[in-house]
Structures are given as structure tokens and as C-alpha cells.
Amino acid sequence: MHRFTSHLALILLLAFSLACRPKSEAAIQAEEAAKAAEAKVVLLEQQLADAKASKVPGDPETVQHLTKSQVKALERQVVDAKKRAETKKQEAVVLAQAPSVPDAPKPVVVEVPMGTKLEVSLTRDLSTEKDQAGDAWEGTLTADVLVDGKRVWAAGSPVRGVVTQSAPAGRLSDGQGALGIRLTEVAGSGIDADAHVVVASARGERNAKYIGGGAAIGALIGILSDRKNKGDHALGGAALGAAAGTALAAGTAETMVRIPASKPISFSLVAPERVTLRK
């Protein structure tokens, strides 16, 4: 009995010492990254709930199609965000259990500011013929992303995103169509970036780009519900102007809207992102 009590005391002492052991800087940063990833899941789940419950004014057919597409895109983002959050959580657990290394270099955390440009090359062409809302797409960064002289993401880093809208020209009630994509991940880190949308009409292609976010779906519904085809003014404050020099619309003789992989697309962060630089 005495021997059992002694062993139990040693186990409890060891557990207590491990619990009291100061966490390494890397472990602390990993925990913060895991919490941030989980917060992104909560935010996306709220956006999904809002999208399902929203009642945006506009042409009923157009509103139904675009809202349904938005829901599919958000469902994909939630699934991906949960996978990233679980990975971050596991990384934090491993680092918390690892022995502390004396004089280990502290990880460098950089905040990438809102508005930072991310130039992306698609792995393949995207089109309304093959790609539907909620589908994933992949690509790579075409240029380094620098913050205060520090390279946060290197050119060639893998990126992922989701198709947010896919309607061939003539599909909607005003004879227009749209193909939209959002950038959601860079080098395995979830980010909040804008969307690139190509708008095309059976009467002749035209191009527009708008910023993602709370008002973006309403802005896009506004332009695609514009029966008089007055132009991109319906995008309002969300407009960034014509998408010249990025990915232009390329309709076939029929109705397909395409975003070619031959020309890089420029996205922008719509929220700051904290990134831990790897040594």
C-alpha cells in the first residue's frame, strides 16, 4: 500500500510539474493561431446563417439564384475552415507537450494589413460550364507578399478558393450571367479576401469586379437585376472598376463565361491577418 501511494505521489508530482512548466513562445503562438482559426469558423457559420435568412430586394429569380449560390460557397468555406481549425488545434497540443528548448528563437508574428494585394495564378481555366457555386479551385501566388521587408508568403505558395457564383450568360432574367470566385486560403492559412466576379451578357460581354463582404451580394444582385442594362453603377461603393488586366470574360459563341488561367488575378485582404513566420 505504501509503495502504491508513493508511485501515485510521483505521478501526481510529474503531472503537476508538466502543468506548471512555462509554455514556449512557439506553443503560445500556436494556441493563439488555433483560437483565431476557431473564431473564423464561428464567423463563417454566422455568415451562413445570415445568408440563409436574408431577404435581399431585387428580381426574384436573380435573388434566388445568387443567394443559393452564396449559401453553397459559404458551406464549402465552413467545411474547409473547420479542417484548418482542427489542424491548428493539433499543432498547438503537440507544441504544448514538447520540451522547452533553451534559447530557442522566438517565432516572428506579422500582421498583414487589410488591403494587401495578393496576385494569384489559377491552376486551370474556370468556367460556368464546368464549375459550380461551392466548388473549390486552386492556384499559386505569382509574387512575394512582403510586410515591413519581411516575406510573409513566398511566390509559388499554394492558394485555394471557392466559386461563389456560376451562371452562364442568359441564365438570369435580364439575360446576364456571372462567374465569381473568392480567395480563402494561402499556404494553408485561412484568410478573408475579396471576390473577383466576371459579369457577361448575351448581348455582349462586359466585365466588373466587386469586393466581397456583407454588402457585396446585394450589390451583385443590383447589377444582375438591372433589366435596363445601365452599367456597373449598380455596384455602388463595392465597385473596383473594370477588370481589365486581370481575368477578362471570355464567352463562347453561346453562353459560357470563363476566367482563364493565362492571366493572374489580383485579390485584396478585406481584414488584417496575423501570420507566424516559419524559420
C-alpha atoms as a PDB file:
ATOM      1  CA  MET A   1       0.000   0.000   0.000  1.00  0.00           C
ATOM      2  CA  HIS A   2       2.840   2.347   0.887  1.00  0.00           C
ATOM      3  CA  ARG A   3       4.582   1.599  -2.445  1.00  0.00           C
ATOM      4  CA  PHE A   4       1.349   2.288  -4.377  1.00  0.00           C
ATOM      5  CA  THR A   5       0.901   5.596  -2.546  1.00  0.00           C
ATOM      6  CA  SER A   6       4.483   6.590  -3.356  1.00  0.00           C
ATOM      7  CA  HIS A   7       4.015   5.800  -7.045  1.00  0.00           C
ATOM      8  CA  LEU A   8       0.766   7.782  -7.125  1.00  0.00           C
ATOM      9  CA  ALA A   9       2.500  10.711  -5.465  1.00  0.00           C
ATOM     10  CA  LEU A  10       5.269  10.619  -8.086  1.00  0.00           C
ATOM     11  CA  ILE A  11       2.743  10.545 -10.931  1.00  0.00           C
ATOM     12  CA  LEU A  12       0.823  13.472  -9.473  1.00  0.00           C
ATOM     13  CA  LEU A  13       4.058  15.386  -8.922  1.00  0.00           C
ATOM     14  CA  LEU A  14       5.103  14.778 -12.536  1.00  0.00           C
ATOM     15  CA  ALA A  15       1.697  15.851 -13.841  1.00  0.00           C
ATOM     16  CA  PHE A  16       1.838  18.967 -11.686  1.00  0.00           C
ATOM     17  CA  SER A  17       5.319  19.859 -12.882  1.00  0.00           C
ATOM     18  CA  LEU A  18       4.272  19.427 -16.530  1.00  0.00           C
ATOM     19  CA  ALA A  19       1.200  21.580 -15.963  1.00  0.00           C
ATOM     20  CA  CYS A  20       3.278  24.283 -14.316  1.00  0.00           C
ATOM     21  CA  ARG A  21       6.035  24.193 -16.912  1.00  0.00           C
ATOM     22  CA  PRO A  22       6.118  27.517 -18.728  1.00  0.00           C
ATOM     23  CA  LYS A  23       4.932  27.316 -22.311  1.00  0.00           C
ATOM     24  CA  SER A  24       7.331  28.070 -25.089  1.00  0.00           C
ATOM     25  CA  GLU A  25       6.734  31.101 -27.256  1.00  0.00           C
ATOM     26  CA  ALA A  26       6.016  28.776 -30.160  1.00  0.00           C
ATOM     27  CA  ALA A  27       3.341  26.961 -28.134  1.00  0.00           C
ATOM     28  CA  ILE A  28       1.730  30.252 -27.139  1.00  0.00           C
ATOM     29  CA  GLN A  29       1.630  31.437 -30.744  1.00  0.00           C
ATOM     30  CA  ALA A  30       0.214  28.081 -31.834  1.00  0.00           C
ATOM     31  CA  GLU A  31      -2.577  28.391 -29.265  1.00  0.00           C
ATOM     32  CA  GLU A  32      -3.407  31.872 -30.478  1.00  0.00           C
ATOM     33  CA  ALA A  33      -3.441  30.650 -34.080  1.00  0.00           C
ATOM     34  CA  ALA A  34      -5.800  27.831 -33.090  1.00  0.00           C
ATOM     35  CA  LYS A  35      -8.139  30.284 -31.354  1.00  0.00           C
ATOM     36  CA  ALA A  36      -8.084  32.569 -34.407  1.00  0.00           C
ATOM     37  CA  ALA A  37      -8.893  29.645 -36.698  1.00  0.00           C
ATOM     38  CA  GLU A  38     -11.819  28.652 -34.494  1.00  0.00           C
ATOM     39  CA  ALA A  39     -13.041  32.265 -34.489  1.00  0.00           C
ATOM     40  CA  LYS A  40     -13.080  32.190 -38.292  1.00  0.00           C
ATOM     41  CA  VAL A  41     -15.291  29.096 -38.166  1.00  0.00           C
ATOM     42  CA  VAL A  42     -17.757  30.873 -35.883  1.00  0.00           C
ATOM     43  CA  LEU A  43     -17.781  33.934 -38.140  1.00  0.00           C
ATOM     44  CA  LEU A  44     -18.391  31.878 -41.289  1.00  0.00           C
ATOM     45  CA  GLU A  45     -21.166  29.908 -39.586  1.00  0.00           C
ATOM     46  CA  GLN A  46     -22.840  33.196 -38.690  1.00  0.00           C
ATOM     47  CA  GLN A  47     -22.462  34.448 -42.269  1.00  0.00           C
ATOM     48  CA  LEU A  48     -24.005  31.198 -43.499  1.00  0.00           C
ATOM     49  CA  ALA A  49     -26.958  31.566 -41.131  1.00  0.00           C
ATOM     50  CA  ASP A  50     -27.431  35.183 -42.239  1.00  0.00           C
ATOM     51  CA  ALA A  51     -27.296  34.181 -45.914  1.00  0.00           C
ATOM     52  CA  LYS A  52     -29.960  31.535 -45.417  1.00  0.00           C
ATOM     53  CA  ALA A  53     -32.211  34.017 -43.623  1.00  0.00           C
ATOM     54  CA  SER A  54     -31.561  37.081 -45.795  1.00  0.00           C
ATOM     55  CA  LYS A  55     -34.199  38.729 -47.936  1.00  0.00           C
ATOM     56  CA  VAL A  56     -32.381  40.926 -50.444  1.00  0.00           C
ATOM     57  CA  PRO A  57     -34.559  43.083 -52.731  1.00  0.00           C
ATOM     58  CA  GLY A  58     -34.305  42.565 -56.477  1.00  0.00           C
ATOM     59  CA  ASP A  59     -35.576  40.402 -59.274  1.00  0.00           C
ATOM     60  CA  PRO A  60     -36.905  37.231 -57.562  1.00  0.00           C
ATOM     61  CA  GLU A  61     -35.259  34.784 -59.979  1.00  0.00           C
ATOM     62  CA  THR A  62     -31.910  36.521 -59.755  1.00  0.00           C
ATOM     63  CA  VAL A  63     -32.085  36.845 -55.964  1.00  0.00           C
ATOM     64  CA  GLN A  64     -32.934  33.157 -55.573  1.00  0.00           C
ATOM     65  CA  HIS A  65     -30.121  32.006 -57.833  1.00  0.00           C
ATOM     66  CA  LEU A  66     -27.407  34.234 -56.342  1.00  0.00           C
ATOM     67  CA  THR A  67     -28.446  33.655 -52.737  1.00  0.00           C
ATOM     68  CA  LYS A  68     -28.487  29.886 -53.250  1.00  0.00           C
ATOM     69  CA  SER A  69     -25.016  30.131 -54.771  1.00  0.00           C
ATOM     70  CA  GLN A  70     -23.771  32.221 -51.863  1.00  0.00           C
ATOM     71  CA  VAL A  71     -25.045  29.607 -49.405  1.00  0.00           C
ATOM     72  CA  LYS A  72     -23.237  26.814 -51.271  1.00  0.00           C
ATOM     73  CA  ALA A  73     -20.000  28.821 -51.281  1.00  0.00           C
ATOM     74  CA  LEU A  74     -20.250  29.545 -47.548  1.00  0.00           C
ATOM     75  CA  GLU A  75     -20.980  25.886 -46.791  1.00  0.00           C
ATOM     76  CA  ARG A  76     -17.741  24.959 -48.542  1.00  0.00           C
ATOM     77  CA  GLN A  77     -15.854  27.674 -46.627  1.00  0.00           C
ATOM     78  CA  VAL A  78     -17.200  26.391 -43.298  1.00  0.00           C
ATOM     79  CA  VAL A  79     -16.075  22.830 -44.062  1.00  0.00           C
ATOM     80  CA  ASP A  80     -12.594  24.000 -45.082  1.00  0.00           C
ATOM     81  CA  ALA A  81     -12.308  26.346 -42.085  1.00  0.00           C
ATOM     82  CA  LYS A  82     -13.178  23.525 -39.673  1.00  0.00           C
ATOM     83  CA  LYS A  83     -10.434  21.347 -41.160  1.00  0.00           C
ATOM     84  CA  ARG A  84      -7.887  24.169 -40.782  1.00  0.00           C
ATOM     85  CA  ALA A  85      -9.031  24.839 -37.204  1.00  0.00           C
ATOM     86  CA  GLU A  86      -8.615  21.167 -36.263  1.00  0.00           C
ATOM     87  CA  THR A  87      -5.113  21.133 -37.760  1.00  0.00           C
ATOM     88  CA  LYS A  88      -4.154  24.275 -35.815  1.00  0.00           C
ATOM     89  CA  LYS A  89      -5.560  22.760 -32.630  1.00  0.00           C
ATOM     90  CA  GLN A  90      -3.477  19.595 -33.064  1.00  0.00           C
ATOM     91  CA  GLU A  91      -0.355  21.660 -33.737  1.00  0.00           C
ATOM     92  CA  ALA A  92      -0.958  23.618 -30.527  1.00  0.00           C
ATOM     93  CA  VAL A  93      -1.343  20.410 -28.497  1.00  0.00           C
ATOM     94  CA  VAL A  94       1.905  18.963 -29.871  1.00  0.00           C
ATOM     95  CA  LEU A  95       3.866  22.143 -29.153  1.00  0.00           C
ATOM     96  CA  ALA A  96       2.390  22.420 -25.665  1.00  0.00           C
ATOM     97  CA  GLN A  97       3.650  18.907 -24.845  1.00  0.00           C
ATOM     98  CA  ALA A  98       7.085  19.377 -26.399  1.00  0.00           C
ATOM     99  CA  PRO A  99      10.001  20.057 -24.026  1.00  0.00           C
ATOM    100  CA  SER A 100      11.122  23.648 -23.841  1.00  0.00           C
ATOM    101  CA  VAL A 101      14.335  24.367 -25.717  1.00  0.00           C
ATOM    102  CA  PRO A 102      16.611  26.920 -24.025  1.00  0.00           C
ATOM    103  CA  ASP A 103      17.469  29.954 -26.130  1.00  0.00           C
ATOM    104  CA  ALA A 104      15.097  28.811 -28.870  1.00  0.00           C
ATOM    105  CA  PRO A 105      14.430  31.633 -31.346  1.00  0.00           C
ATOM    106  CA  LYS A 106      11.103  33.313 -30.791  1.00  0.00           C
ATOM    107  CA  PRO A 107       8.629  32.994 -33.654  1.00  0.00           C
ATOM    108  CA  VAL A 108       8.011  36.189 -35.565  1.00  0.00           C
ATOM    109  CA  VAL A 109       4.365  37.204 -35.863  1.00  0.00           C
ATOM    110  CA  VAL A 110       3.455  39.659 -38.611  1.00  0.00           C
ATOM    111  CA  GLU A 111       0.116  41.345 -39.170  1.00  0.00           C
ATOM    112  CA  VAL A 112      -0.689  41.556 -42.860  1.00  0.00           C
ATOM    113  CA  PRO A 113      -2.800  44.721 -43.200  1.00  0.00           C
ATOM    114  CA  MET A 114      -6.230  44.946 -44.759  1.00  0.00           C
ATOM    115  CA  GLY A 115      -5.993  45.924 -48.414  1.00  0.00           C
ATOM    116  CA  THR A 116      -2.812  43.908 -49.063  1.00  0.00           C
ATOM    117  CA  LYS A 117      -2.768  42.727 -52.678  1.00  0.00           C
ATOM    118  CA  LEU A 118      -2.412  39.037 -53.461  1.00  0.00           C
ATOM    119  CA  GLU A 119      -1.744  38.179 -57.084  1.00  0.00           C
ATOM    120  CA  VAL A 120      -2.849  34.677 -57.980  1.00  0.00           C
ATOM    121  CA  SER A 121      -2.373  32.388 -60.964  1.00  0.00           C
ATOM    122  CA  LEU A 122      -5.089  29.767 -61.413  1.00  0.00           C
ATOM    123  CA  THR A 123      -4.101  26.141 -61.884  1.00  0.00           C
ATOM    124  CA  ARG A 124      -6.674  25.824 -64.677  1.00  0.00           C
ATOM    125  CA  ASP A 125      -9.350  27.778 -66.506  1.00  0.00           C
ATOM    126  CA  LEU A 126     -12.641  28.196 -64.648  1.00  0.00           C
ATOM    127  CA  SER A 127     -15.954  28.377 -66.461  1.00  0.00           C
ATOM    128  CA  THR A 128     -19.689  28.321 -65.889  1.00  0.00           C
ATOM    129  CA  GLU A 129     -19.735  25.167 -67.999  1.00  0.00           C
ATOM    130  CA  LYS A 130     -17.617  23.100 -65.589  1.00  0.00           C
ATOM    131  CA  ASP A 131     -17.557  24.953 -62.264  1.00  0.00           C
ATOM    132  CA  GLN A 132     -20.495  25.477 -59.939  1.00  0.00           C
ATOM    133  CA  ALA A 133     -21.012  27.541 -56.793  1.00  0.00           C
ATOM    134  CA  GLY A 134     -19.357  25.821 -53.839  1.00  0.00           C
ATOM    135  CA  ASP A 135     -16.665  24.135 -55.947  1.00  0.00           C
ATOM    136  CA  ALA A 136     -13.070  24.577 -54.842  1.00  0.00           C
ATOM    137  CA  TRP A 137     -10.337  25.980 -57.059  1.00  0.00           C
ATOM    138  CA  GLU A 138      -6.566  26.075 -56.660  1.00  0.00           C
ATOM    139  CA  GLY A 139      -3.649  28.197 -57.760  1.00  0.00           C
ATOM    140  CA  THR A 140      -0.384  29.770 -56.643  1.00  0.00           C
ATOM    141  CA  LEU A 141       0.883  33.216 -55.645  1.00  0.00           C
ATOM    142  CA  THR A 142       2.698  34.894 -58.503  1.00  0.00           C
ATOM    143  CA  ALA A 143       4.646  37.330 -56.298  1.00  0.00           C
ATOM    144  CA  ASP A 144       6.040  37.512 -52.755  1.00  0.00           C
ATOM    145  CA  VAL A 145       3.860  39.197 -50.153  1.00  0.00           C
ATOM    146  CA  LEU A 146       6.036  41.486 -48.033  1.00  0.00           C
ATOM    147  CA  VAL A 147       5.253  43.352 -44.821  1.00  0.00           C
ATOM    148  CA  ASP A 148       7.903  45.759 -43.479  1.00  0.00           C
ATOM    149  CA  GLY A 149      10.521  43.986 -45.534  1.00  0.00           C
ATOM    150  CA  LYS A 150       9.574  40.552 -44.181  1.00  0.00           C
ATOM    151  CA  ARG A 151       8.380  37.908 -46.624  1.00  0.00           C
ATOM    152  CA  VAL A 152       5.093  36.584 -45.279  1.00  0.00           C
ATOM    153  CA  TRP A 153       4.100  34.407 -48.228  1.00  0.00           C
ATOM    154  CA  ALA A 154       6.517  33.442 -50.988  1.00  0.00           C
ATOM    155  CA  ALA A 155       5.756  33.411 -54.693  1.00  0.00           C
ATOM    156  CA  GLY A 156       4.667  29.920 -55.631  1.00  0.00           C
ATOM    157  CA  SER A 157       2.820  29.342 -52.338  1.00  0.00           C
ATOM    158  CA  PRO A 158      -0.341  27.287 -52.886  1.00  0.00           C
ATOM    159  CA  VAL A 159      -3.679  29.066 -52.656  1.00  0.00           C
ATOM    160  CA  ARG A 160      -7.254  27.836 -52.573  1.00  0.00           C
ATOM    161  CA  GLY A 161     -10.619  29.403 -53.021  1.00  0.00           C
ATOM    162  CA  VAL A 162     -14.269  28.779 -53.719  1.00  0.00           C
ATOM    163  CA  VAL A 163     -16.578  29.506 -56.640  1.00  0.00           C
ATOM    164  CA  THR A 164     -19.171  31.966 -55.329  1.00  0.00           C
ATOM    165  CA  GLN A 165     -21.364  32.401 -58.416  1.00  0.00           C
ATOM    166  CA  SER A 166     -21.789  30.466 -61.641  1.00  0.00           C
ATOM    167  CA  ALA A 167     -24.492  31.453 -64.097  1.00  0.00           C
ATOM    168  CA  PRO A 168     -23.963  31.366 -67.888  1.00  0.00           C
ATOM    169  CA  ALA A 169     -24.924  34.434 -69.893  1.00  0.00           C
ATOM    170  CA  GLY A 170     -28.661  34.396 -70.491  1.00  0.00           C
ATOM    171  CA  ARG A 171     -29.324  32.279 -67.375  1.00  0.00           C
ATOM    172  CA  LEU A 172     -30.727  35.156 -65.327  1.00  0.00           C
ATOM    173  CA  SER A 173     -33.912  37.049 -66.062  1.00  0.00           C
ATOM    174  CA  ASP A 174     -32.170  40.080 -67.594  1.00  0.00           C
ATOM    175  CA  GLY A 175     -30.092  37.962 -69.983  1.00  0.00           C
ATOM    176  CA  GLN A 176     -26.885  38.288 -67.971  1.00  0.00           C
ATOM    177  CA  GLY A 177     -24.638  35.799 -66.253  1.00  0.00           C
ATOM    178  CA  ALA A 178     -21.719  35.820 -63.843  1.00  0.00           C
ATOM    179  CA  LEU A 179     -18.767  33.749 -62.712  1.00  0.00           C
ATOM    180  CA  GLY A 180     -17.373  34.693 -59.311  1.00  0.00           C
ATOM    181  CA  ILE A 181     -14.508  33.324 -57.223  1.00  0.00           C
ATOM    182  CA  ARG A 182     -13.220  34.126 -53.739  1.00  0.00           C
ATOM    183  CA  LEU A 183      -9.729  33.577 -52.345  1.00  0.00           C
ATOM    184  CA  THR A 184      -9.962  31.817 -48.961  1.00  0.00           C
ATOM    185  CA  GLU A 185      -6.596  30.227 -48.176  1.00  0.00           C
ATOM    186  CA  VAL A 186      -2.891  30.970 -48.663  1.00  0.00           C
ATOM    187  CA  ALA A 187      -0.169  28.461 -47.737  1.00  0.00           C
ATOM    188  CA  GLY A 188      -2.614  26.562 -45.516  1.00  0.00           C
ATOM    189  CA  SER A 189      -3.812  29.661 -43.621  1.00  0.00           C
ATOM    190  CA  GLY A 190      -7.419  30.769 -43.897  1.00  0.00           C
ATOM    191  CA  ILE A 191      -7.797  34.380 -44.976  1.00  0.00           C
ATOM    192  CA  ASP A 192     -10.605  36.840 -45.619  1.00  0.00           C
ATOM    193  CA  ALA A 193     -10.140  38.213 -49.122  1.00  0.00           C
ATOM    194  CA  ASP A 194     -12.418  39.789 -51.682  1.00  0.00           C
ATOM    195  CA  ALA A 195     -14.093  38.152 -54.657  1.00  0.00           C
ATOM    196  CA  HIS A 196     -13.476  38.505 -58.373  1.00  0.00           C
ATOM    197  CA  VAL A 197     -16.645  38.467 -60.445  1.00  0.00           C
ATOM    198  CA  VAL A 198     -16.895  38.499 -64.212  1.00  0.00           C
ATOM    199  CA  VAL A 199     -20.278  39.675 -65.489  1.00  0.00           C
ATOM    200  CA  ALA A 200     -21.302  38.798 -69.032  1.00  0.00           C
ATOM    201  CA  SER A 201     -24.352  39.422 -71.166  1.00  0.00           C
ATOM    202  CA  ALA A 202     -25.754  37.557 -74.130  1.00  0.00           C
ATOM    203  CA  ARG A 203     -25.827  40.993 -75.792  1.00  0.00           C
ATOM    204  CA  GLY A 204     -22.057  41.329 -75.461  1.00  0.00           C
ATOM    205  CA  GLU A 205     -19.543  40.722 -72.672  1.00  0.00           C
ATOM    206  CA  ARG A 206     -18.656  43.307 -70.097  1.00  0.00           C
ATOM    207  CA  ASN A 207     -16.523  42.972 -67.006  1.00  0.00           C
ATOM    208  CA  ALA A 208     -16.797  44.094 -63.424  1.00  0.00           C
ATOM    209  CA  LYS A 209     -15.095  43.346 -60.140  1.00  0.00           C
ATOM    210  CA  TYR A 210     -16.595  43.815 -56.705  1.00  0.00           C
ATOM    211  CA  ILE A 211     -15.415  43.424 -53.130  1.00  0.00           C
ATOM    212  CA  GLY A 212     -16.790  40.592 -51.036  1.00  0.00           C
ATOM    213  CA  GLY A 213     -18.401  41.200 -47.686  1.00  0.00           C
ATOM    214  CA  GLY A 214     -21.759  41.969 -46.185  1.00  0.00           C
ATOM    215  CA  ALA A 215     -22.987  44.345 -48.883  1.00  0.00           C
ATOM    216  CA  ALA A 216     -21.451  42.544 -51.839  1.00  0.00           C
ATOM    217  CA  ILE A 217     -24.252  40.078 -52.544  1.00  0.00           C
ATOM    218  CA  GLY A 218     -26.776  42.921 -52.576  1.00  0.00           C
ATOM    219  CA  ALA A 219     -24.552  44.905 -54.926  1.00  0.00           C
ATOM    220  CA  LEU A 220     -24.201  41.976 -57.308  1.00  0.00           C
ATOM    221  CA  ILE A 221     -27.934  41.319 -57.241  1.00  0.00           C
ATOM    222  CA  GLY A 222     -28.422  45.001 -58.049  1.00  0.00           C
ATOM    223  CA  ILE A 223     -26.368  44.861 -61.236  1.00  0.00           C
ATOM    224  CA  LEU A 224     -27.709  41.489 -62.366  1.00  0.00           C
ATOM    225  CA  SER A 225     -31.280  42.610 -61.770  1.00  0.00           C
ATOM    226  CA  ASP A 226     -30.726  45.722 -63.903  1.00  0.00           C
ATOM    227  CA  ARG A 227     -33.127  44.997 -66.759  1.00  0.00           C
ATOM    228  CA  LYS A 228     -32.247  48.265 -68.477  1.00  0.00           C
ATOM    229  CA  ASN A 229     -28.593  47.263 -68.503  1.00  0.00           C
ATOM    230  CA  LYS A 230     -27.453  50.688 -67.349  1.00  0.00           C
ATOM    231  CA  GLY A 231     -23.990  49.522 -66.442  1.00  0.00           C
ATOM    232  CA  ASP A 232     -21.809  48.898 -63.439  1.00  0.00           C
ATOM    233  CA  HIS A 233     -23.200  51.802 -61.402  1.00  0.00           C
ATOM    234  CA  ALA A 234     -25.358  49.315 -59.502  1.00  0.00           C
ATOM    235  CA  LEU A 235     -22.258  48.017 -57.782  1.00  0.00           C
ATOM    236  CA  GLY A 236     -22.126  51.271 -55.851  1.00  0.00           C
ATOM    237  CA  GLY A 237     -19.339  51.605 -53.311  1.00  0.00           C
ATOM    238  CA  ALA A 238     -18.376  47.976 -53.805  1.00  0.00           C
ATOM    239  CA  ALA A 239     -17.169  48.557 -57.355  1.00  0.00           C
ATOM    240  CA  LEU A 240     -13.485  48.421 -58.187  1.00  0.00           C
ATOM    241  CA  GLY A 241     -13.969  49.241 -61.842  1.00  0.00           C
ATOM    242  CA  ALA A 242     -13.438  47.140 -64.923  1.00  0.00           C
ATOM    243  CA  ALA A 243     -11.366  44.027 -64.507  1.00  0.00           C
ATOM    244  CA  ALA A 244      -9.027  44.933 -67.366  1.00  0.00           C
ATOM    245  CA  GLY A 245      -5.593  43.426 -66.983  1.00  0.00           C
ATOM    246  CA  THR A 246      -6.770  40.663 -64.645  1.00  0.00           C
ATOM    247  CA  ALA A 247      -9.097  37.900 -65.801  1.00  0.00           C
ATOM    248  CA  LEU A 248     -11.396  39.045 -68.583  1.00  0.00           C
ATOM    249  CA  ALA A 249     -14.658  37.481 -69.574  1.00  0.00           C
ATOM    250  CA  ALA A 250     -14.315  35.076 -72.429  1.00  0.00           C
ATOM    251  CA  GLY A 251     -17.716  33.861 -73.567  1.00  0.00           C
ATOM    252  CA  THR A 252     -18.093  31.340 -76.336  1.00  0.00           C
ATOM    253  CA  ALA A 253     -20.418  31.858 -79.264  1.00  0.00           C
ATOM    254  CA  GLU A 254     -23.065  30.628 -76.859  1.00  0.00           C
ATOM    255  CA  THR A 255     -23.289  31.423 -73.164  1.00  0.00           C
ATOM    256  CA  MET A 256     -20.189  30.226 -71.280  1.00  0.00           C
ATOM    257  CA  VAL A 257     -18.415  32.718 -69.010  1.00  0.00           C
ATOM    258  CA  ARG A 258     -14.762  31.918 -68.384  1.00  0.00           C
ATOM    259  CA  ILE A 259     -11.908  33.091 -66.175  1.00  0.00           C
ATOM    260  CA  PRO A 260      -8.719  31.979 -67.936  1.00  0.00           C
ATOM    261  CA  ALA A 261      -5.627  30.744 -66.123  1.00  0.00           C
ATOM    262  CA  SER A 262      -3.404  32.642 -68.547  1.00  0.00           C
ATOM    263  CA  LYS A 263      -3.739  35.980 -66.709  1.00  0.00           C
ATOM    264  CA  PRO A 264      -3.111  36.490 -62.967  1.00  0.00           C
ATOM    265  CA  ILE A 265      -5.950  37.753 -60.788  1.00  0.00           C
ATOM    266  CA  SER A 266      -5.420  40.329 -58.059  1.00  0.00           C
ATOM    267  CA  PHE A 267      -7.288  39.869 -54.770  1.00  0.00           C
ATOM    268  CA  SER A 268      -7.202  42.081 -51.670  1.00  0.00           C
ATOM    269  CA  LEU A 269      -7.480  41.244 -47.987  1.00  0.00           C
ATOM    270  CA  VAL A 270     -10.696  42.640 -46.501  1.00  0.00           C
ATOM    271  CA  ALA A 271      -9.439  42.082 -42.938  1.00  0.00           C
ATOM    272  CA  PRO A 272      -5.948  42.028 -41.382  1.00  0.00           C
ATOM    273  CA  GLU A 273      -4.335  38.618 -40.963  1.00  0.00           C
ATOM    274  CA  ARG A 274      -1.812  37.574 -38.285  1.00  0.00           C
ATOM    275  CA  VAL A 275       0.803  35.192 -39.665  1.00  0.00           C
ATOM    276  CA  THR A 276       3.532  33.378 -37.735  1.00  0.00           C
ATOM    277  CA  LEU A 277       6.638  33.235 -39.883  1.00  0.00           C
ATOM    278  CA  ARG A 278       8.330  29.857 -40.039  1.00  0.00           C
ATOM    279  CA  LYS A 279      12.096  29.703 -39.596  1.00  0.00           C
END
